[in-house]
PDB file of all heavy atoms in Angstrom:
ATOM      1  N   VAL A   1       7.833   3.865  -4.048  1.00  0.00           N
ATOM      2  CA  VAL A   1       9.197   3.384  -4.052  1.00  0.00           C
ATOM      3  C   VAL A   1       9.292   2.230  -5.055  1.00  0.00           C
ATOM      4  O   VAL A   1       8.325   1.488  -5.261  1.00  0.00           O
ATOM      5  CB  VAL A   1       9.626   2.939  -2.639  1.00  0.00           C
ATOM      6  CG1 VAL A   1       8.866   1.704  -2.195  1.00  0.00           C
ATOM      7  CG2 VAL A   1      11.124   2.732  -2.563  1.00  0.00           C
ATOM      8  N   ASP A   2      10.438   2.107  -5.707  1.00  0.00           N
ATOM      9  CA  ASP A   2      10.574   1.150  -6.796  1.00  0.00           C
ATOM     10  C   ASP A   2      10.205  -0.272  -6.383  1.00  0.00           C
ATOM     11  O   ASP A   2       9.630  -1.029  -7.179  1.00  0.00           O
ATOM     12  CB  ASP A   2      11.999   1.168  -7.344  1.00  0.00           C
ATOM     13  CG  ASP A   2      12.294   2.404  -8.173  1.00  0.00           C
ATOM     14  OD1 ASP A   2      11.343   3.102  -8.567  1.00  0.00           O
ATOM     15  OD2 ASP A   2      13.478   2.666  -8.429  1.00  0.00           O
ATOM     16  N   SER A   3      10.517  -0.637  -5.167  1.00  0.00           N
ATOM     17  CA  SER A   3      10.322  -2.011  -4.734  1.00  0.00           C
ATOM     18  C   SER A   3       8.853  -2.424  -4.638  1.00  0.00           C
ATOM     19  O   SER A   3       8.558  -3.617  -4.580  1.00  0.00           O
ATOM     20  CB  SER A   3      11.001  -2.247  -3.383  1.00  0.00           C
ATOM     21  OG  SER A   3      10.472  -1.395  -2.388  1.00  0.00           O
ATOM     22  N   VAL A   4       7.933  -1.465  -4.628  1.00  0.00           N
ATOM     23  CA  VAL A   4       6.517  -1.800  -4.506  1.00  0.00           C
ATOM     24  C   VAL A   4       5.715  -1.410  -5.729  1.00  0.00           C
ATOM     25  O   VAL A   4       4.501  -1.672  -5.772  1.00  0.00           O
ATOM     26  CB  VAL A   4       5.881  -1.165  -3.255  1.00  0.00           C
ATOM     27  CG1 VAL A   4       6.707  -1.477  -2.013  1.00  0.00           C
ATOM     28  CG2 VAL A   4       5.703   0.339  -3.432  1.00  0.00           C
ATOM     29  N   LYS A   5       6.337  -0.814  -6.715  1.00  0.00           N
ATOM     30  CA  LYS A   5       5.625  -0.408  -7.918  1.00  0.00           C
ATOM     31  C   LYS A   5       4.975  -1.609  -8.585  1.00  0.00           C
ATOM     32  O   LYS A   5       5.598  -2.647  -8.763  1.00  0.00           O
ATOM     33  CB  LYS A   5       6.571   0.292  -8.893  1.00  0.00           C
ATOM     34  CG  LYS A   5       6.969   1.691  -8.472  1.00  0.00           C
ATOM     35  CD  LYS A   5       7.874   2.344  -9.510  1.00  0.00           C
ATOM     36  CE  LYS A   5       8.233   3.764  -9.107  1.00  0.00           C
ATOM     37  NZ  LYS A   5       9.162   4.399 -10.073  1.00  0.00           N
ATOM     38  N   GLY A   6       3.725  -1.436  -8.955  1.00  0.00           N
ATOM     39  CA  GLY A   6       2.976  -2.514  -9.565  1.00  0.00           C
ATOM     40  C   GLY A   6       2.326  -3.449  -8.581  1.00  0.00           C
ATOM     41  O   GLY A   6       1.512  -4.284  -8.977  1.00  0.00           O
ATOM     42  N   ARG A   7       2.668  -3.339  -7.310  1.00  0.00           N
ATOM     43  CA  ARG A   7       2.102  -4.206  -6.287  1.00  0.00           C
ATOM     44  C   ARG A   7       1.259  -3.447  -5.268  1.00  0.00           C
ATOM     45  O   ARG A   7       0.264  -3.980  -4.788  1.00  0.00           O
ATOM     46  CB  ARG A   7       3.208  -4.966  -5.550  1.00  0.00           C
ATOM     47  CG  ARG A   7       4.063  -5.852  -6.438  1.00  0.00           C
ATOM     48  CD  ARG A   7       4.999  -6.736  -5.623  1.00  0.00           C
ATOM     49  NE  ARG A   7       5.956  -5.956  -4.834  1.00  0.00           N
ATOM     50  CZ  ARG A   7       6.029  -5.966  -3.509  1.00  0.00           C
ATOM     51  NH1 ARG A   7       5.194  -6.723  -2.804  1.00  0.00           N
ATOM     52  NH2 ARG A   7       6.945  -5.239  -2.883  1.00  0.00           N
ATOM     53  N   PHE A   8       1.660  -2.239  -4.930  1.00  0.00           N
ATOM     54  CA  PHE A   8       0.966  -1.440  -3.926  1.00  0.00           C
ATOM     55  C   PHE A   8       0.226  -0.295  -4.599  1.00  0.00           C
ATOM     56  O   PHE A   8       0.687   0.259  -5.607  1.00  0.00           O
ATOM     57  CB  PHE A   8       1.951  -0.847  -2.912  1.00  0.00           C
ATOM     58  CG  PHE A   8       2.588  -1.845  -1.980  1.00  0.00           C
ATOM     59  CD1 PHE A   8       2.485  -3.204  -2.178  1.00  0.00           C
ATOM     60  CD2 PHE A   8       3.309  -1.388  -0.884  1.00  0.00           C
ATOM     61  CE1 PHE A   8       3.082  -4.108  -1.314  1.00  0.00           C
ATOM     62  CE2 PHE A   8       3.909  -2.277  -0.008  1.00  0.00           C
ATOM     63  CZ  PHE A   8       3.794  -3.639  -0.227  1.00  0.00           C
ATOM     64  N   THR A   9      -0.901   0.082  -4.013  1.00  0.00           N
ATOM     65  CA  THR A   9      -1.681   1.202  -4.499  1.00  0.00           C
ATOM     66  C   THR A   9      -2.141   2.047  -3.323  1.00  0.00           C
ATOM     67  O   THR A   9      -2.772   1.534  -2.398  1.00  0.00           O
ATOM     68  CB  THR A   9      -2.909   0.747  -5.302  1.00  0.00           C
ATOM     69  OG1 THR A   9      -2.502  -0.080  -6.393  1.00  0.00           O
ATOM     70  CG2 THR A   9      -3.662   1.954  -5.845  1.00  0.00           C
ATOM     71  N   ILE A  10      -1.827   3.329  -3.362  1.00  0.00           N
ATOM     72  CA  ILE A  10      -2.299   4.254  -2.344  1.00  0.00           C
ATOM     73  C   ILE A  10      -3.530   4.976  -2.874  1.00  0.00           C
ATOM     74  O   ILE A  10      -3.588   5.358  -4.038  1.00  0.00           O
ATOM     75  CB  ILE A  10      -1.201   5.259  -1.926  1.00  0.00           C
ATOM     76  CG1 ILE A  10      -1.678   6.139  -0.764  1.00  0.00           C
ATOM     77  CG2 ILE A  10      -0.731   6.097  -3.102  1.00  0.00           C
ATOM     78  CD1 ILE A  10      -0.584   7.009  -0.159  1.00  0.00           C
ATOM     79  N   SER A  11      -4.515   5.143  -2.027  1.00  0.00           N
ATOM     80  CA  SER A  11      -5.737   5.817  -2.419  1.00  0.00           C
ATOM     81  C   SER A  11      -6.304   6.572  -1.230  1.00  0.00           C
ATOM     82  O   SER A  11      -5.905   6.354  -0.087  1.00  0.00           O
ATOM     83  CB  SER A  11      -6.768   4.833  -2.979  1.00  0.00           C
ATOM     84  OG  SER A  11      -7.139   3.878  -2.009  1.00  0.00           O
ATOM     85  N   ARG A  12      -7.250   7.439  -1.526  1.00  0.00           N
ATOM     86  CA  ARG A  12      -7.842   8.277  -0.488  1.00  0.00           C
ATOM     87  C   ARG A  12      -9.339   8.385  -0.714  1.00  0.00           C
ATOM     88  O   ARG A  12      -9.800   8.634  -1.832  1.00  0.00           O
ATOM     89  CB  ARG A  12      -7.180   9.663  -0.505  1.00  0.00           C
ATOM     90  CG  ARG A  12      -7.795  10.699   0.419  1.00  0.00           C
ATOM     91  CD  ARG A  12      -6.962  11.964   0.424  1.00  0.00           C
ATOM     92  NE  ARG A  12      -6.737  12.465  -0.925  1.00  0.00           N
ATOM     93  CZ  ARG A  12      -5.813  13.367  -1.244  1.00  0.00           C
ATOM     94  NH1 ARG A  12      -5.017  13.863  -0.305  1.00  0.00           N
ATOM     95  NH2 ARG A  12      -5.677  13.770  -2.503  1.00  0.00           N
ATOM     96  N   ASP A  13     -10.095   8.206   0.337  1.00  0.00           N
ATOM     97  CA  ASP A  13     -11.537   8.369   0.313  1.00  0.00           C
ATOM     98  C   ASP A  13     -11.851   9.627   1.103  1.00  0.00           C
ATOM     99  O   ASP A  13     -11.769   9.638   2.329  1.00  0.00           O
ATOM    100  CB  ASP A  13     -12.242   7.154   0.916  1.00  0.00           C
ATOM    101  CG  ASP A  13     -13.746   7.202   0.738  1.00  0.00           C
ATOM    102  OD1 ASP A  13     -14.339   8.292   0.806  1.00  0.00           O
ATOM    103  OD2 ASP A  13     -14.347   6.132   0.543  1.00  0.00           O
ATOM    104  N   ILE A  14     -12.202  10.691   0.398  1.00  0.00           N
ATOM    105  CA  ILE A  14     -12.418  11.973   1.048  1.00  0.00           C
ATOM    106  C   ILE A  14     -13.631  11.932   1.970  1.00  0.00           C
ATOM    107  O   ILE A  14     -13.610  12.493   3.070  1.00  0.00           O
ATOM    108  CB  ILE A  14     -12.568  13.083  -0.008  1.00  0.00           C
ATOM    109  CG1 ILE A  14     -11.284  13.217  -0.824  1.00  0.00           C
ATOM    110  CG2 ILE A  14     -12.909  14.406   0.658  1.00  0.00           C
ATOM    111  CD1 ILE A  14     -11.364  14.237  -1.942  1.00  0.00           C
ATOM    112  N   VAL A  15     -14.686  11.264   1.538  1.00  0.00           N
ATOM    113  CA  VAL A  15     -15.900  11.198   2.339  1.00  0.00           C
ATOM    114  C   VAL A  15     -15.638  10.489   3.664  1.00  0.00           C
ATOM    115  O   VAL A  15     -16.074  10.939   4.725  1.00  0.00           O
ATOM    116  CB  VAL A  15     -17.030  10.505   1.564  1.00  0.00           C
ATOM    117  CG1 VAL A  15     -18.253  10.331   2.454  1.00  0.00           C
ATOM    118  CG2 VAL A  15     -17.384  11.307   0.323  1.00  0.00           C
ATOM    119  N   LYS A  16     -14.945   9.380   3.603  1.00  0.00           N
ATOM    120  CA  LYS A  16     -14.633   8.618   4.805  1.00  0.00           C
ATOM    121  C   LYS A  16     -13.439   9.166   5.565  1.00  0.00           C
ATOM    122  O   LYS A  16     -13.152   8.703   6.668  1.00  0.00           O
ATOM    123  CB  LYS A  16     -14.384   7.156   4.459  1.00  0.00           C
ATOM    124  CG  LYS A  16     -15.601   6.415   3.942  1.00  0.00           C
ATOM    125  CD  LYS A  16     -15.278   4.954   3.688  1.00  0.00           C
ATOM    126  CE  LYS A  16     -16.499   4.198   3.218  1.00  0.00           C
ATOM    127  NZ  LYS A  16     -16.194   2.762   2.958  1.00  0.00           N
ATOM    128  N   ASN A  17     -12.740  10.112   4.960  1.00  0.00           N
ATOM    129  CA  ASN A  17     -11.553  10.693   5.577  1.00  0.00           C
ATOM    130  C   ASN A  17     -10.540   9.606   5.931  1.00  0.00           C
ATOM    131  O   ASN A  17      -9.981   9.579   7.031  1.00  0.00           O
ATOM    132  CB  ASN A  17     -11.930  11.494   6.824  1.00  0.00           C
ATOM    133  CG  ASN A  17     -11.051  12.715   7.027  1.00  0.00           C
ATOM    134  OD1 ASN A  17     -10.500  13.265   6.077  1.00  0.00           O
ATOM    135  ND2 ASN A  17     -10.915  13.148   8.279  1.00  0.00           N
ATOM    136  N   THR A  18     -10.313   8.738   4.981  1.00  0.00           N
ATOM    137  CA  THR A  18      -9.462   7.583   5.193  1.00  0.00           C
ATOM    138  C   THR A  18      -8.523   7.402   4.014  1.00  0.00           C
ATOM    139  O   THR A  18      -8.912   7.610   2.860  1.00  0.00           O
ATOM    140  CB  THR A  18     -10.296   6.306   5.387  1.00  0.00           C
ATOM    141  OG1 THR A  18     -11.180   6.482   6.500  1.00  0.00           O
ATOM    142  CG2 THR A  18      -9.407   5.104   5.634  1.00  0.00           C
ATOM    143  N   VAL A  19      -7.307   7.032   4.306  1.00  0.00           N
ATOM    144  CA  VAL A  19      -6.303   6.720   3.297  1.00  0.00           C
ATOM    145  C   VAL A  19      -6.025   5.227   3.350  1.00  0.00           C
ATOM    146  O   VAL A  19      -5.970   4.635   4.431  1.00  0.00           O
ATOM    147  CB  VAL A  19      -5.017   7.522   3.525  1.00  0.00           C
ATOM    148  CG1 VAL A  19      -3.987   7.197   2.456  1.00  0.00           C
ATOM    149  CG2 VAL A  19      -5.320   9.011   3.531  1.00  0.00           C
ATOM    150  N   TYR A  20      -5.836   4.631   2.194  1.00  0.00           N
ATOM    151  CA  TYR A  20      -5.628   3.199   2.109  1.00  0.00           C
ATOM    152  C   TYR A  20      -4.306   2.882   1.424  1.00  0.00           C
ATOM    153  O   TYR A  20      -3.795   3.654   0.610  1.00  0.00           O
ATOM    154  CB  TYR A  20      -6.755   2.526   1.319  1.00  0.00           C
ATOM    155  CG  TYR A  20      -8.133   2.772   1.871  1.00  0.00           C
ATOM    156  CD1 TYR A  20      -8.933   3.787   1.359  1.00  0.00           C
ATOM    157  CD2 TYR A  20      -8.637   1.993   2.904  1.00  0.00           C
ATOM    158  CE1 TYR A  20     -10.200   4.015   1.865  1.00  0.00           C
ATOM    159  CE2 TYR A  20      -9.895   2.212   3.418  1.00  0.00           C
ATOM    160  CZ  TYR A  20     -10.683   3.228   2.895  1.00  0.00           C
ATOM    161  OH  TYR A  20     -11.933   3.455   3.397  1.00  0.00           O
ATOM    162  N   LEU A  21      -3.785   1.732   1.751  1.00  0.00           N
ATOM    163  CA  LEU A  21      -2.665   1.163   1.020  1.00  0.00           C
ATOM    164  C   LEU A  21      -3.014  -0.280   0.701  1.00  0.00           C
ATOM    165  O   LEU A  21      -3.010  -1.136   1.593  1.00  0.00           O
ATOM    166  CB  LEU A  21      -1.364   1.236   1.823  1.00  0.00           C
ATOM    167  CG  LEU A  21      -0.119   0.743   1.086  1.00  0.00           C
ATOM    168  CD1 LEU A  21       0.218   1.671  -0.083  1.00  0.00           C
ATOM    169  CD2 LEU A  21       1.069   0.627   2.031  1.00  0.00           C
ATOM    170  N   GLN A  22      -3.347  -0.527  -0.549  1.00  0.00           N
ATOM    171  CA  GLN A  22      -3.613  -1.879  -1.005  1.00  0.00           C
ATOM    172  C   GLN A  22      -2.291  -2.529  -1.365  1.00  0.00           C
ATOM    173  O   GLN A  22      -1.550  -2.013  -2.202  1.00  0.00           O
ATOM    174  CB  GLN A  22      -4.554  -1.865  -2.216  1.00  0.00           C
ATOM    175  CG  GLN A  22      -4.860  -3.246  -2.785  1.00  0.00           C
ATOM    176  CD  GLN A  22      -5.663  -4.101  -1.846  1.00  0.00           C
ATOM    177  OE1 GLN A  22      -6.649  -3.633  -1.273  1.00  0.00           O
ATOM    178  NE2 GLN A  22      -5.249  -5.353  -1.663  1.00  0.00           N
ATOM    179  N   MET A  23      -2.007  -3.656  -0.752  1.00  0.00           N
ATOM    180  CA  MET A  23      -0.745  -4.343  -0.944  1.00  0.00           C
ATOM    181  C   MET A  23      -1.021  -5.729  -1.500  1.00  0.00           C
ATOM    182  O   MET A  23      -1.641  -6.561  -0.837  1.00  0.00           O
ATOM    183  CB  MET A  23       0.038  -4.439   0.367  1.00  0.00           C
ATOM    184  CG  MET A  23       0.247  -3.092   1.051  1.00  0.00           C
ATOM    185  SD  MET A  23       1.330  -3.202   2.499  1.00  0.00           S
ATOM    186  CE  MET A  23       0.352  -4.277   3.547  1.00  0.00           C
ATOM    187  N   ASN A  24      -0.572  -5.962  -2.707  1.00  0.00           N
ATOM    188  CA  ASN A  24      -0.736  -7.241  -3.375  1.00  0.00           C
ATOM    189  C   ASN A  24       0.621  -7.888  -3.612  1.00  0.00           C
ATOM    190  O   ASN A  24       1.657  -7.232  -3.572  1.00  0.00           O
ATOM    191  CB  ASN A  24      -1.468  -7.062  -4.708  1.00  0.00           C
ATOM    192  CG  ASN A  24      -2.850  -6.493  -4.556  1.00  0.00           C
ATOM    193  OD1 ASN A  24      -3.552  -6.764  -3.583  1.00  0.00           O
ATOM    194  ND2 ASN A  24      -3.272  -5.694  -5.544  1.00  0.00           N
ATOM    195  N   SER A  25       0.583  -9.179  -3.879  1.00  0.00           N
ATOM    196  CA  SER A  25       1.808  -9.934  -4.162  1.00  0.00           C
ATOM    197  C   SER A  25       2.878  -9.668  -3.116  1.00  0.00           C
ATOM    198  O   SER A  25       4.032  -9.380  -3.430  1.00  0.00           O
ATOM    199  CB  SER A  25       2.323  -9.589  -5.565  1.00  0.00           C
ATOM    200  OG  SER A  25       1.355  -9.870  -6.552  1.00  0.00           O
ATOM    201  N   LEU A  26       2.488  -9.782  -1.878  1.00  0.00           N
ATOM    202  CA  LEU A  26       3.392  -9.447  -0.784  1.00  0.00           C
ATOM    203  C   LEU A  26       4.584 -10.391  -0.733  1.00  0.00           C
ATOM    204  O   LEU A  26       4.471 -11.580  -1.042  1.00  0.00           O
ATOM    205  CB  LEU A  26       2.642  -9.473   0.539  1.00  0.00           C
ATOM    206  CG  LEU A  26       1.756  -8.250   0.787  1.00  0.00           C
ATOM    207  CD1 LEU A  26       0.751  -8.528   1.891  1.00  0.00           C
ATOM    208  CD2 LEU A  26       2.611  -7.042   1.152  1.00  0.00           C
ATOM    209  N   LYS A  27       5.700  -9.831  -0.345  1.00  0.00           N
ATOM    210  CA  LYS A  27       6.951 -10.555  -0.230  1.00  0.00           C
ATOM    211  C   LYS A  27       7.452 -10.474   1.202  1.00  0.00           C
ATOM    212  O   LYS A  27       7.124  -9.539   1.925  1.00  0.00           O
ATOM    213  CB  LYS A  27       8.001  -9.957  -1.174  1.00  0.00           C
ATOM    214  CG  LYS A  27       7.585  -9.892  -2.632  1.00  0.00           C
ATOM    215  CD  LYS A  27       8.639  -9.173  -3.464  1.00  0.00           C
ATOM    216  CE  LYS A  27       8.234  -9.088  -4.915  1.00  0.00           C
ATOM    217  NZ  LYS A  27       9.260  -8.373  -5.730  1.00  0.00           N
ATOM    218  N   PRO A  28       8.267 -11.435   1.624  1.00  0.00           N
ATOM    219  CA  PRO A  28       8.822 -11.362   2.977  1.00  0.00           C
ATOM    220  C   PRO A  28       9.547 -10.055   3.260  1.00  0.00           C
ATOM    221  O   PRO A  28       9.509  -9.562   4.396  1.00  0.00           O
ATOM    222  CB  PRO A  28       9.771 -12.562   3.030  1.00  0.00           C
ATOM    223  CG  PRO A  28       9.172 -13.538   2.082  1.00  0.00           C
ATOM    224  CD  PRO A  28       8.605 -12.704   0.963  1.00  0.00           C
ATOM    225  N   GLU A  29      10.186  -9.480   2.268  1.00  0.00           N
ATOM    226  CA  GLU A  29      10.890  -8.228   2.464  1.00  0.00           C
ATOM    227  C   GLU A  29       9.964  -7.036   2.678  1.00  0.00           C
ATOM    228  O   GLU A  29      10.424  -5.936   2.990  1.00  0.00           O
ATOM    229  CB  GLU A  29      11.850  -7.937   1.298  1.00  0.00           C
ATOM    230  CG  GLU A  29      11.218  -8.107  -0.070  1.00  0.00           C
ATOM    231  CD  GLU A  29      11.503  -9.477  -0.678  1.00  0.00           C
ATOM    232  OE1 GLU A  29      11.361 -10.478   0.047  1.00  0.00           O
ATOM    233  OE2 GLU A  29      11.881  -9.528  -1.862  1.00  0.00           O
ATOM    234  N   ASP A  30       8.662  -7.239   2.508  1.00  0.00           N
ATOM    235  CA  ASP A  30       7.695  -6.200   2.840  1.00  0.00           C
ATOM    236  C   ASP A  30       7.395  -6.154   4.329  1.00  0.00           C
ATOM    237  O   ASP A  30       6.691  -5.243   4.782  1.00  0.00           O
ATOM    238  CB  ASP A  30       6.387  -6.417   2.075  1.00  0.00           C
ATOM    239  CG  ASP A  30       6.552  -6.279   0.572  1.00  0.00           C
ATOM    240  OD1 ASP A  30       7.271  -5.371   0.128  1.00  0.00           O
ATOM    241  OD2 ASP A  30       5.944  -7.085  -0.160  1.00  0.00           O
ATOM    242  N   THR A  31       7.887  -7.110   5.072  1.00  0.00           N
ATOM    243  CA  THR A  31       7.649  -7.155   6.506  1.00  0.00           C
ATOM    244  C   THR A  31       8.209  -5.909   7.175  1.00  0.00           C
ATOM    245  O   THR A  31       9.390  -5.588   7.044  1.00  0.00           O
ATOM    246  CB  THR A  31       8.283  -8.407   7.117  1.00  0.00           C
ATOM    247  OG1 THR A  31       7.646  -9.569   6.589  1.00  0.00           O
ATOM    248  CG2 THR A  31       8.126  -8.410   8.633  1.00  0.00           C
ATOM    249  N   ALA A  32       7.355  -5.202   7.888  1.00  0.00           N
ATOM    250  CA  ALA A  32       7.745  -3.954   8.528  1.00  0.00           C
ATOM    251  C   ALA A  32       6.562  -3.414   9.308  1.00  0.00           C
ATOM    252  O   ALA A  32       5.443  -3.918   9.210  1.00  0.00           O
ATOM    253  CB  ALA A  32       8.201  -2.924   7.487  1.00  0.00           C
ATOM    254  N   VAL A  33       6.827  -2.385  10.080  1.00  0.00           N
ATOM    255  CA  VAL A  33       5.762  -1.581  10.660  1.00  0.00           C
ATOM    256  C   VAL A  33       5.452  -0.466   9.680  1.00  0.00           C
ATOM    257  O   VAL A  33       6.354   0.257   9.238  1.00  0.00           O
ATOM    258  CB  VAL A  33       6.149  -1.001  12.032  1.00  0.00           C
ATOM    259  CG1 VAL A  33       5.027  -0.125  12.572  1.00  0.00           C
ATOM    260  CG2 VAL A  33       6.461  -2.126  13.008  1.00  0.00           C
ATOM    261  N   TYR A  34       4.194  -0.327   9.337  1.00  0.00           N
ATOM    262  CA  TYR A  34       3.760   0.656   8.360  1.00  0.00           C
ATOM    263  C   TYR A  34       3.092   1.823   9.067  1.00  0.00           C
ATOM    264  O   TYR A  34       2.245   1.641   9.942  1.00  0.00           O
ATOM    265  CB  TYR A  34       2.799   0.022   7.350  1.00  0.00           C
ATOM    266  CG  TYR A  34       3.491  -0.855   6.338  1.00  0.00           C
ATOM    267  CD1 TYR A  34       4.016  -2.093   6.705  1.00  0.00           C
ATOM    268  CD2 TYR A  34       3.637  -0.444   5.013  1.00  0.00           C
ATOM    269  CE1 TYR A  34       4.669  -2.889   5.789  1.00  0.00           C
ATOM    270  CE2 TYR A  34       4.284  -1.237   4.093  1.00  0.00           C
ATOM    271  CZ  TYR A  34       4.800  -2.461   4.480  1.00  0.00           C
ATOM    272  OH  TYR A  34       5.445  -3.251   3.564  1.00  0.00           O
TER     273      TYR A  34
END
């Protein structure tokens, strides 16, 4: 979504069977349940 471009990165580790969301430069408007 445009509001997180350049700040958030989604990735997947197939071996660990885990998906990640790296969130940098967080803003108050990012407050939410994810």
